[in-house]
Amino acid sequence: MPSSSNAAVVEISQTANKFRSSIVLQYENKYIDVKSILGLFTTLTSAGNYSLHVHGPDEEEAKESMKEVFAKHNLAVNVVSE
């Protein structure tokens, strides 16, 4: 994993923690709480294709912020609308 991804992991986790909503990243058959920095470190790679599941009282704002932070770090993410 490139060193720049460390900054991505920290920023993604910090952004997620601003929201009350549940934010879960799906990668293959794994589901990771985005608020968990350790979970992100063990899963996040620049080559991954991720799905983001957001549920809660501020989910629309959380979805937009998470899309922005993933894009900033050139990570592809599909925000799942349920």
Protein backbone atom coordinates (compact mmCIF):
# COMPACT_ATOMS: atom_id res chain seq x y z
CA MET A 1 0.00 0.00 0.00
CA PRO A 2 1.52 3.38 -0.93
CA SER A 3 2.31 5.80 1.89
CA SER A 4 -0.22 8.33 0.55
CA SER A 5 -2.96 5.86 1.46
CA ASN A 6 -2.15 6.41 5.15
CA ALA A 7 -3.37 9.97 4.76
CA ALA A 8 -6.44 8.68 2.92
CA VAL A 9 -7.29 6.23 5.71
CA VAL A 10 -6.98 8.90 8.39
CA GLU A 11 -9.02 11.47 6.45
CA ILE A 12 -11.74 8.97 5.51
CA SER A 13 -12.09 7.85 9.13
CA GLN A 14 -12.10 11.43 10.46
CA THR A 15 -14.73 12.46 7.91
CA ALA A 16 -16.94 9.48 8.78
CA ASN A 17 -16.72 10.25 12.48
CA LYS A 18 -18.32 13.68 11.91
CA PHE A 19 -21.63 11.94 11.21
CA ARG A 20 -24.12 10.06 13.36
CA SER A 21 -25.03 7.75 10.47
CA SER A 22 -23.65 4.23 10.15
CA ILE A 23 -21.08 4.21 7.33
CA VAL A 24 -19.94 0.79 6.14
CA LEU A 25 -17.51 0.03 3.33
CA GLN A 26 -18.03 -3.17 1.37
CA TYR A 27 -15.07 -4.71 -0.42
CA GLU A 28 -15.64 -8.15 -1.95
CA ASN A 29 -17.14 -10.14 0.96
CA LYS A 30 -15.84 -7.84 3.72
CA TYR A 31 -17.78 -5.15 5.53
CA ILE A 32 -15.77 -2.51 7.38
CA ASP A 33 -17.00 0.23 9.69
CA VAL A 34 -15.46 3.31 8.07
CA LYS A 35 -15.18 4.94 11.48
CA SER A 36 -12.66 2.23 12.42
CA ILE A 37 -9.20 3.32 11.35
CA LEU A 38 -7.80 -0.16 11.90
CA GLY A 39 -10.45 -1.73 9.67
CA LEU A 40 -9.60 0.73 6.91
CA PHE A 41 -5.86 0.12 7.19
CA THR A 42 -6.37 -3.61 6.69
CA THR A 43 -8.73 -3.24 3.72
CA LEU A 44 -8.21 -0.02 1.78
CA THR A 45 -6.04 -0.21 -1.34
CA SER A 46 -5.95 2.11 -4.30
CA ALA A 47 -6.84 -0.72 -6.70
CA GLY A 48 -10.04 -1.70 -4.91
CA ASN A 49 -13.62 -1.28 -6.04
CA TYR A 50 -15.69 -0.32 -3.02
CA SER A 51 -19.36 0.10 -2.16
CA LEU A 52 -20.39 2.48 0.59
CA HIS A 53 -23.54 1.89 2.64
CA VAL A 54 -24.78 4.86 4.68
CA HIS A 55 -27.79 4.73 7.01
CA GLY A 56 -28.92 7.25 9.59
CA PRO A 57 -30.24 10.70 10.38
CA ASP A 58 -27.61 12.61 8.37
CA GLU A 59 -27.01 10.07 5.61
CA GLU A 60 -27.40 12.43 2.63
CA GLU A 61 -24.76 14.82 3.97
CA ALA A 62 -22.55 11.87 4.94
CA LYS A 63 -22.81 10.35 1.45
CA GLU A 64 -21.71 13.60 -0.20
CA SER A 65 -18.80 14.12 2.18
CA MET A 66 -17.62 10.52 1.83
CA LYS A 67 -17.78 10.69 -1.98
CA GLU A 68 -15.65 13.84 -1.88
CA VAL A 69 -12.97 12.39 0.40
CA PHE A 70 -12.73 9.15 -1.61
CA ALA A 71 -12.42 11.15 -4.85
CA LYS A 72 -9.76 13.41 -3.30
CA HIS A 73 -7.60 10.33 -2.74
CA ASN A 74 -8.39 8.80 -6.16
CA LEU A 75 -10.31 5.89 -4.66
CA ALA A 76 -13.29 4.56 -6.59
CA VAL A 77 -16.41 4.17 -4.47
CA ASN A 78 -20.00 3.35 -5.35
CA VAL A 79 -22.46 4.85 -2.89
CA VAL A 80 -25.32 2.37 -2.56
CA SER A 81 -28.82 3.82 -2.56
CA GLU A 82 -31.24 1.54 -0.76
